[in-house]
């Protein structure tokens, strides 16, 4: 089984995005916290960006892995690959 790197990366970004989104929603009314960012709830917006990016990575990785399971690559013979000699 070949693990597509997009799956764990997508999970990592999704979890981080979820945590930031929840924190941004929990602190939405705190004007003092967001005074440095001109009143923009950066935690909420970047959490949503990371969540969407992570889910996209995860879903494309899963789709690719399912296609690999359906159509596995044919094994190459050792003698068929020529090296730079």
PDB file of N, CA and C in Angstrom:
ATOM      1  N   UNK A   1       0.846  -1.185   0.000  1.00  0.00           N
ATOM      2  CA  UNK A   1       0.000   0.000   0.000  1.00  0.00           C
ATOM      3  C   UNK A   1       0.884   1.238   0.000  1.00  0.00           C
ATOM      4  N   UNK A   2       0.627   2.124  -0.914  1.00  0.00           N
ATOM      5  CA  UNK A   2       1.374   3.370  -1.023  1.00  0.00           C
ATOM      6  C   UNK A   2       0.539   4.483  -0.409  1.00  0.00           C
ATOM      7  N   UNK A   3       1.102   5.174   0.571  1.00  0.00           N
ATOM      8  CA  UNK A   3       0.389   6.263   1.230  1.00  0.00           C
ATOM      9  C   UNK A   3       0.667   7.562   0.496  1.00  0.00           C
ATOM     10  N   UNK A   4      -0.384   8.220   0.084  1.00  0.00           N
ATOM     11  CA  UNK A   4      -0.253   9.517  -0.569  1.00  0.00           C
ATOM     12  C   UNK A   4       0.037  10.564   0.506  1.00  0.00           C
ATOM     13  N   UNK A   5       1.035  11.377   0.281  1.00  0.00           N
ATOM     14  CA  UNK A   5       1.467  12.368   1.266  1.00  0.00           C
ATOM     15  C   UNK A   5       0.402  13.432   1.527  1.00  0.00           C
ATOM     16  N   UNK A   6      -0.519  13.614   0.584  1.00  0.00           N
ATOM     17  CA  UNK A   6      -1.562  14.627   0.766  1.00  0.00           C
ATOM     18  C   UNK A   6      -2.541  14.258   1.883  1.00  0.00           C
ATOM     19  N   UNK A   7      -2.663  12.978   2.212  1.00  0.00           N
ATOM     20  CA  UNK A   7      -3.616  12.570   3.253  1.00  0.00           C
ATOM     21  C   UNK A   7      -3.182  13.055   4.636  1.00  0.00           C
ATOM     22  N   UNK A   8      -1.970  12.721   5.125  1.00  0.00           N
ATOM     23  CA  UNK A   8      -1.603  13.246   6.450  1.00  0.00           C
ATOM     24  C   UNK A   8      -1.438  14.760   6.473  1.00  0.00           C
ATOM     25  N   UNK A   9      -0.962  15.347   5.360  1.00  0.00           N
ATOM     26  CA  UNK A   9      -0.850  16.807   5.314  1.00  0.00           C
ATOM     27  C   UNK A   9      -2.229  17.449   5.386  1.00  0.00           C
ATOM     28  N   UNK A  10      -3.181  16.886   4.670  1.00  0.00           N
ATOM     29  CA  UNK A  10      -4.540  17.411   4.705  1.00  0.00           C
ATOM     30  C   UNK A  10      -5.153  17.315   6.085  1.00  0.00           C
ATOM     31  N   UNK A  11      -4.901  16.199   6.770  1.00  0.00           N
ATOM     32  CA  UNK A  11      -5.415  16.058   8.137  1.00  0.00           C
ATOM     33  C   UNK A  11      -4.782  17.079   9.075  1.00  0.00           C
ATOM     34  N   UNK A  12      -3.481  17.305   8.924  1.00  0.00           N
ATOM     35  CA  UNK A  12      -2.794  18.275   9.783  1.00  0.00           C
ATOM     36  C   UNK A  12      -3.342  19.688   9.573  1.00  0.00           C
ATOM     37  N   UNK A  13      -3.478  20.097   8.306  1.00  0.00           N
ATOM     38  CA  UNK A  13      -4.007  21.426   8.028  1.00  0.00           C
ATOM     39  C   UNK A  13      -5.472  21.539   8.456  1.00  0.00           C
ATOM     40  N   UNK A  14      -6.243  20.484   8.290  1.00  0.00           N
ATOM     41  CA  UNK A  14      -7.663  20.519   8.674  1.00  0.00           C
ATOM     42  C   UNK A  14      -7.824  20.654  10.182  1.00  0.00           C
ATOM     43  N   UNK A  15      -7.032  19.917  10.929  1.00  0.00           N
ATOM     44  CA  UNK A  15      -7.117  20.007  12.396  1.00  0.00           C
ATOM     45  C   UNK A  15      -6.706  21.393  12.866  1.00  0.00           C
ATOM     46  N   UNK A  16      -5.614  21.920  12.321  1.00  0.00           N
ATOM     47  CA  UNK A  16      -5.162  23.266  12.691  1.00  0.00           C
ATOM     48  C   UNK A  16      -6.208  24.310  12.302  1.00  0.00           C
ATOM     49  N   UNK A  17      -6.777  24.178  11.118  1.00  0.00           N
ATOM     50  CA  UNK A  17      -7.812  25.110  10.680  1.00  0.00           C
ATOM     51  C   UNK A  17      -9.060  25.039  11.540  1.00  0.00           C
ATOM     52  N   UNK A  18      -9.427  23.820  11.940  1.00  0.00           N
ATOM     53  CA  UNK A  18     -10.595  23.665  12.802  1.00  0.00           C
ATOM     54  C   UNK A  18     -10.374  24.341  14.149  1.00  0.00           C
ATOM     55  N   UNK A  19      -9.185  24.146  14.729  1.00  0.00           N
ATOM     56  CA  UNK A  19      -8.884  24.767  16.023  1.00  0.00           C
ATOM     57  C   UNK A  19      -8.904  26.292  15.911  1.00  0.00           C
ATOM     58  N   UNK A  20      -8.288  26.842  14.865  1.00  0.00           N
ATOM     59  CA  UNK A  20      -8.288  28.299  14.683  1.00  0.00           C
ATOM     60  C   UNK A  20      -9.697  28.837  14.439  1.00  0.00           C
ATOM     61  N   UNK A  21     -10.501  28.098  13.676  1.00  0.00           N
ATOM     62  CA  UNK A  21     -11.869  28.539  13.406  1.00  0.00           C
ATOM     63  C   UNK A  21     -12.694  28.571  14.684  1.00  0.00           C
ATOM     64  N   UNK A  22     -12.580  27.546  15.495  1.00  0.00           N
ATOM     65  CA  UNK A  22     -13.321  27.505  16.764  1.00  0.00           C
ATOM     66  C   UNK A  22     -12.858  28.632  17.678  1.00  0.00           C
ATOM     67  N   UNK A  23     -11.548  28.856  17.741  1.00  0.00           N
ATOM     68  CA  UNK A  23     -11.042  29.948  18.576  1.00  0.00           C
ATOM     69  C   UNK A  23     -11.524  31.298  18.055  1.00  0.00           C
ATOM     70  N   UNK A  24     -11.536  31.468  16.737  1.00  0.00           N
ATOM     71  CA  UNK A  24     -12.019  32.720  16.157  1.00  0.00           C
ATOM     72  C   UNK A  24     -13.496  32.944  16.425  1.00  0.00           C
ATOM     73  N   UNK A  25     -14.285  31.880  16.384  1.00  0.00           N
ATOM     74  CA  UNK A  25     -15.714  32.014  16.699  1.00  0.00           C
ATOM     75  C   UNK A  25     -15.935  32.304  18.180  1.00  0.00           C
ATOM     76  N   UNK A  26     -15.119  31.695  19.047  1.00  0.00           N
ATOM     77  CA  UNK A  26     -15.271  31.897  20.486  1.00  0.00           C
ATOM     78  C   UNK A  26     -14.872  33.303  20.912  1.00  0.00           C
ATOM     79  N   UNK A  27     -13.961  33.923  20.182  1.00  0.00           N
ATOM     80  CA  UNK A  27     -13.487  35.261  20.554  1.00  0.00           C
ATOM     81  C   UNK A  27     -13.978  36.331  19.582  1.00  0.00           C
ATOM     82  N   UNK A  28     -15.064  36.073  18.913  1.00  0.00           N
ATOM     83  CA  UNK A  28     -15.550  36.995  17.880  1.00  0.00           C
ATOM     84  C   UNK A  28     -15.928  38.371  18.438  1.00  0.00           C
ATOM     85  N   UNK A  29     -16.412  38.452  19.648  1.00  0.00           N
ATOM     86  CA  UNK A  29     -16.846  39.726  20.197  1.00  0.00           C
ATOM     87  C   UNK A  29     -15.766  40.492  20.939  1.00  0.00           C
ATOM     88  N   UNK A  30     -14.570  39.982  21.024  1.00  0.00           N
ATOM     89  CA  UNK A  30     -13.492  40.604  21.780  1.00  0.00           C
ATOM     90  C   UNK A  30     -12.773  41.640  20.916  1.00  0.00           C
ATOM     91  N   UNK A  31     -13.125  42.910  21.081  1.00  0.00           N
ATOM     92  CA  UNK A  31     -12.530  43.975  20.268  1.00  0.00           C
ATOM     93  C   UNK A  31     -11.072  44.233  20.643  1.00  0.00           C
ATOM     94  N   UNK A  32     -10.733  44.039  21.907  1.00  0.00           N
ATOM     95  CA  UNK A  32      -9.356  44.281  22.340  1.00  0.00           C
ATOM     96  C   UNK A  32      -8.383  43.298  21.702  1.00  0.00           C
ATOM     97  N   UNK A  33      -8.811  42.062  21.541  1.00  0.00           N
ATOM     98  CA  UNK A  33      -7.945  41.030  20.972  1.00  0.00           C
ATOM     99  C   UNK A  33      -7.624  41.310  19.508  1.00  0.00           C
ATOM    100  N   UNK A  34      -8.596  41.846  18.782  1.00  0.00           N
ATOM    101  CA  UNK A  34      -8.420  42.075  17.353  1.00  0.00           C
ATOM    102  C   UNK A  34      -8.150  43.539  17.011  1.00  0.00           C
ATOM    103  N   UNK A  35      -7.784  44.349  17.989  1.00  0.00           N
ATOM    104  CA  UNK A  35      -7.465  45.752  17.735  1.00  0.00           C
ATOM    105  C   UNK A  35      -6.189  45.883  16.912  1.00  0.00           C
ATOM    106  N   UNK A  36      -5.234  44.995  17.118  1.00  0.00           N
ATOM    107  CA  UNK A  36      -3.967  45.065  16.384  1.00  0.00           C
ATOM    108  C   UNK A  36      -4.139  44.699  14.912  1.00  0.00           C
ATOM    109  N   UNK A  37      -5.182  43.945  14.596  1.00  0.00           N
ATOM    110  CA  UNK A  37      -5.412  43.554  13.198  1.00  0.00           C
ATOM    111  C   UNK A  37      -6.541  44.370  12.577  1.00  0.00           C
ATOM    112  N   UNK A  38      -6.709  45.594  13.032  1.00  0.00           N
ATOM    113  CA  UNK A  38      -7.720  46.532  12.528  1.00  0.00           C
ATOM    114  C   UNK A  38      -9.137  45.975  12.619  1.00  0.00           C
ATOM    115  N   UNK A  39      -9.398  45.209  13.664  1.00  0.00           N
ATOM    116  CA  UNK A  39     -10.743  44.681  13.897  1.00  0.00           C
ATOM    117  C   UNK A  39     -11.091  43.446  13.074  1.00  0.00           C
ATOM    118  N   UNK A  40     -10.127  42.916  12.315  1.00  0.00           N
ATOM    119  CA  UNK A  40     -10.386  41.728  11.503  1.00  0.00           C
ATOM    120  C   UNK A  40     -10.105  40.492  12.346  1.00  0.00           C
ATOM    121  N   UNK A  41     -11.045  39.578  12.366  1.00  0.00           N
ATOM    122  CA  UNK A  41     -10.888  38.337  13.117  1.00  0.00           C
ATOM    123  C   UNK A  41      -9.998  37.397  12.299  1.00  0.00           C
ATOM    124  N   UNK A  42      -8.685  37.588  12.427  1.00  0.00           N
ATOM    125  CA  UNK A  42      -7.719  36.823  11.628  1.00  0.00           C
ATOM    126  C   UNK A  42      -7.766  35.337  11.960  1.00  0.00           C
ATOM    127  N   UNK A  43      -8.035  35.002  13.203  1.00  0.00           N
ATOM    128  CA  UNK A  43      -8.104  33.589  13.578  1.00  0.00           C
ATOM    129  C   UNK A  43      -9.227  32.873  12.831  1.00  0.00           C
ATOM    130  N   UNK A  44     -10.361  33.527  12.730  1.00  0.00           N
ATOM    131  CA  UNK A  44     -11.498  32.919  12.034  1.00  0.00           C
ATOM    132  C   UNK A  44     -11.216  32.763  10.546  1.00  0.00           C
ATOM    133  N   UNK A  45     -10.729  33.819   9.907  1.00  0.00           N
ATOM    134  CA  UNK A  45     -10.527  33.767   8.464  1.00  0.00           C
ATOM    135  C   UNK A  45      -9.402  32.823   8.072  1.00  0.00           C
ATOM    136  N   UNK A  46      -8.274  32.870   8.779  1.00  0.00           N
ATOM    137  CA  UNK A  46      -7.188  31.946   8.445  1.00  0.00           C
ATOM    138  C   UNK A  46      -7.533  30.523   8.844  1.00  0.00           C
ATOM    139  N   UNK A  47      -8.326  30.358   9.877  1.00  0.00           N
ATOM    140  CA  UNK A  47      -8.790  29.014  10.224  1.00  0.00           C
ATOM    141  C   UNK A  47      -9.640  28.423   9.112  1.00  0.00           C
ATOM    142  N   UNK A  48     -10.516  29.238   8.527  1.00  0.00           N
ATOM    143  CA  UNK A  48     -11.334  28.759   7.410  1.00  0.00           C
ATOM    144  C   UNK A  48     -10.489  28.448   6.186  1.00  0.00           C
ATOM    145  N   UNK A  49      -9.482  29.295   5.922  1.00  0.00           N
ATOM    146  CA  UNK A  49      -8.586  29.050   4.778  1.00  0.00           C
ATOM    147  C   UNK A  49      -7.841  27.733   4.973  1.00  0.00           C
ATOM    148  N   UNK A  50      -7.280  27.526   6.163  1.00  0.00           N
ATOM    149  CA  UNK A  50      -6.553  26.287   6.428  1.00  0.00           C
ATOM    150  C   UNK A  50      -7.470  25.070   6.388  1.00  0.00           C
ATOM    151  N   UNK A  51      -8.692  25.231   6.864  1.00  0.00           N
ATOM    152  CA  UNK A  51      -9.650  24.123   6.855  1.00  0.00           C
ATOM    153  C   UNK A  51     -10.011  23.729   5.426  1.00  0.00           C
ATOM    154  N   UNK A  52     -10.279  24.700   4.581  1.00  0.00           N
ATOM    155  CA  UNK A  52     -10.607  24.406   3.179  1.00  0.00           C
ATOM    156  C   UNK A  52      -9.403  23.793   2.462  1.00  0.00           C
ATOM    157  N   UNK A  53      -8.220  24.341   2.687  1.00  0.00           N
ATOM    158  CA  UNK A  53      -7.012  23.800   2.058  1.00  0.00           C
ATOM    159  C   UNK A  53      -6.753  22.365   2.517  1.00  0.00           C
ATOM    160  N   UNK A  54      -6.882  22.129   3.817  1.00  0.00           N
ATOM    161  CA  UNK A  54      -6.646  20.794   4.352  1.00  0.00           C
ATOM    162  C   UNK A  54      -7.643  19.774   3.832  1.00  0.00           C
ATOM    163  N   UNK A  55      -8.906  20.151   3.771  1.00  0.00           N
ATOM    164  CA  UNK A  55      -9.913  19.231   3.244  1.00  0.00           C
ATOM    165  C   UNK A  55      -9.689  18.951   1.764  1.00  0.00           C
ATOM    166  N   UNK A  56      -9.268  19.967   1.020  1.00  0.00           N
ATOM    167  CA  UNK A  56      -8.970  19.759  -0.402  1.00  0.00           C
ATOM    168  C   UNK A  56      -7.803  18.794  -0.573  1.00  0.00           C
ATOM    169  N   UNK A  57      -6.741  18.984   0.201  1.00  0.00           N
ATOM    170  CA  UNK A  57      -5.592  18.080   0.134  1.00  0.00           C
ATOM    171  C   UNK A  57      -6.002  16.660   0.511  1.00  0.00           C
ATOM    172  N   UNK A  58      -6.771  16.527   1.581  1.00  0.00           N
ATOM    173  CA  UNK A  58      -7.177  15.202   2.048  1.00  0.00           C
ATOM    174  C   UNK A  58      -8.049  14.490   1.007  1.00  0.00           C
ATOM    175  N   UNK A  59      -9.012  15.202   0.469  1.00  0.00           N
ATOM    176  CA  UNK A  59      -9.926  14.575  -0.491  1.00  0.00           C
ATOM    177  C   UNK A  59      -9.224  14.210  -1.797  1.00  0.00           C
ATOM    178  N   UNK A  60      -8.319  15.048  -2.276  1.00  0.00           N
ATOM    179  CA  UNK A  60      -7.591  14.688  -3.500  1.00  0.00           C
ATOM    180  C   UNK A  60      -6.640  13.517  -3.243  1.00  0.00           C
ATOM    181  N   UNK A  61      -6.061  13.454  -2.067  1.00  0.00           N
ATOM    182  CA  UNK A  61      -5.202  12.323  -1.726  1.00  0.00           C
ATOM    183  C   UNK A  61      -5.980  11.023  -1.638  1.00  0.00           C
ATOM    184  N   UNK A  62      -7.162  11.079  -1.034  1.00  0.00           N
ATOM    185  CA  UNK A  62      -7.996   9.874  -0.935  1.00  0.00           C
ATOM    186  C   UNK A  62      -8.468   9.427  -2.312  1.00  0.00           C
ATOM    187  N   UNK A  63      -8.831  10.375  -3.162  1.00  0.00           N
ATOM    188  CA  UNK A  63      -9.286  10.027  -4.511  1.00  0.00           C
ATOM    189  C   UNK A  63      -8.159   9.371  -5.295  1.00  0.00           C
ATOM    190  N   UNK A  64      -6.958   9.924  -5.163  1.00  0.00           N
ATOM    191  CA  UNK A  64      -5.808   9.360  -5.853  1.00  0.00           C
ATOM    192  C   UNK A  64      -5.475   7.973  -5.326  1.00  0.00           C
ATOM    193  N   UNK A  65      -5.585   7.782  -4.021  1.00  0.00           N
ATOM    194  CA  UNK A  65      -5.277   6.481  -3.444  1.00  0.00           C
ATOM    195  C   UNK A  65      -6.310   5.430  -3.862  1.00  0.00           C
ATOM    196  N   UNK A  66      -7.555   5.821  -3.961  1.00  0.00           N
ATOM    197  CA  UNK A  66      -8.579   4.882  -4.423  1.00  0.00           C
ATOM    198  C   UNK A  66      -8.340   4.482  -5.871  1.00  0.00           C
ATOM    199  N   UNK A  67      -7.901   5.430  -6.703  1.00  0.00           N
ATOM    200  CA  UNK A  67      -7.586   5.103  -8.096  1.00  0.00           C
ATOM    201  C   UNK A  67      -6.382   4.177  -8.177  1.00  0.00           C
ATOM    202  N   UNK A  68      -5.396   4.367  -7.295  1.00  0.00           N
ATOM    203  CA  UNK A  68      -4.234   3.486  -7.285  1.00  0.00           C
ATOM    204  C   UNK A  68      -4.613   2.075  -6.849  1.00  0.00           C
ATOM    205  N   UNK A  69      -5.578   1.953  -5.927  1.00  0.00           N
ATOM    206  CA  UNK A  69      -6.018   0.637  -5.496  1.00  0.00           C
ATOM    207  C   UNK A  69      -6.778  -0.083  -6.606  1.00  0.00           C
ATOM    208  N   UNK A  70      -7.530   0.661  -7.407  1.00  0.00           N
ATOM    209  CA  UNK A  70      -8.266   0.060  -8.519  1.00  0.00           C
ATOM    210  C   UNK A  70      -7.326  -0.359  -9.638  1.00  0.00           C
ATOM    211  N   UNK A  71      -6.402   0.505  -9.984  1.00  0.00           N
ATOM    212  CA  UNK A  71      -5.462   0.269 -11.086  1.00  0.00           C
ATOM    213  C   UNK A  71      -4.028   0.375 -10.573  1.00  0.00           C
ATOM    214  N   UNK A  72      -3.518  -0.677  -9.940  1.00  0.00           N
ATOM    215  CA  UNK A  72      -2.146  -0.587  -9.425  1.00  0.00           C
ATOM    216  C   UNK A  72      -1.144  -0.512 -10.575  1.00  0.00           C
ATOM    217  N   UNK A  73      -0.053   0.212 -10.354  1.00  0.00           N
ATOM    218  CA  UNK A  73       0.959   0.311 -11.414  1.00  0.00           C
ATOM    219  C   UNK A  73       1.615  -1.042 -11.634  1.00  0.00           C
ATOM    220  N   UNK A  74       1.955  -1.324 -12.869  1.00  0.00           N
ATOM    221  CA  UNK A  74       2.584  -2.603 -13.167  1.00  0.00           C
ATOM    222  C   UNK A  74       4.021  -2.579 -12.661  1.00  0.00           C
ATOM    223  N   UNK A  75       4.456  -3.685 -12.078  1.00  0.00           N
ATOM    224  CA  UNK A  75       5.839  -3.717 -11.565  1.00  0.00           C
ATOM    225  C   UNK A  75       6.824  -3.689 -12.725  1.00  0.00           C
ATOM    226  N   UNK A  76       7.883  -2.935 -12.551  1.00  0.00           N
ATOM    227  CA  UNK A  76       8.894  -2.836 -13.606  1.00  0.00           C
ATOM    228  C   UNK A  76       9.955  -3.890 -13.370  1.00  0.00           C
ATOM    229  N   UNK A  77      10.508  -4.365 -14.433  1.00  0.00           N
ATOM    230  CA  UNK A  77      11.591  -5.339 -14.320  1.00  0.00           C
ATOM    231  C   UNK A  77      12.886  -4.578 -14.085  1.00  0.00           C
ATOM    232  N   UNK A  78      13.762  -5.166 -13.296  1.00  0.00           N
ATOM    233  CA  UNK A  78      15.021  -4.490 -12.972  1.00  0.00           C
ATOM    234  C   UNK A  78      15.877  -4.273 -14.209  1.00  0.00           C
ATOM    235  N   UNK A  79      15.875  -5.205 -15.139  1.00  0.00           N
ATOM    236  CA  UNK A  79      16.713  -5.109 -16.313  1.00  0.00           C
ATOM    237  C   UNK A  79      16.185  -4.147 -17.350  1.00  0.00           C
ATOM    238  N   UNK A  80      14.913  -3.750 -17.255  1.00  0.00           N
ATOM    239  CA  UNK A  80      14.342  -2.883 -18.285  1.00  0.00           C
ATOM    240  C   UNK A  80      14.712  -1.418 -18.088  1.00  0.00           C
ATOM    241  N   UNK A  81      15.168  -1.063 -16.932  1.00  0.00           N
ATOM    242  CA  UNK A  81      15.534   0.327 -16.668  1.00  0.00           C
ATOM    243  C   UNK A  81      17.029   0.474 -16.891  1.00  0.00           C
ATOM    244  N   UNK A  82      17.394   1.309 -17.832  1.00  0.00           N
ATOM    245  CA  UNK A  82      18.817   1.540 -18.096  1.00  0.00           C
ATOM    246  C   UNK A  82      19.266   2.795 -17.379  1.00  0.00           C
ATOM    247  N   UNK A  83      20.394   2.669 -16.773  1.00  0.00           N
ATOM    248  CA  UNK A  83      20.954   3.818 -16.086  1.00  0.00           C
ATOM    249  C   UNK A  83      21.915   4.523 -17.011  1.00  0.00           C
ATOM    250  N   UNK A  84      22.459   5.604 -16.643  1.00  0.00           N
ATOM    251  CA  UNK A  84      23.276   6.444 -17.501  1.00  0.00           C
ATOM    252  C   UNK A  84      24.597   5.854 -17.942  1.00  0.00           C
ATOM    253  N   UNK A  85      24.734   4.567 -18.106  1.00  0.00           N
ATOM    254  CA  UNK A  85      25.982   3.952 -18.547  1.00  0.00           C
ATOM    255  C   UNK A  85      25.987   3.687 -20.015  1.00  0.00           C
TER     256      UNK A  85
END
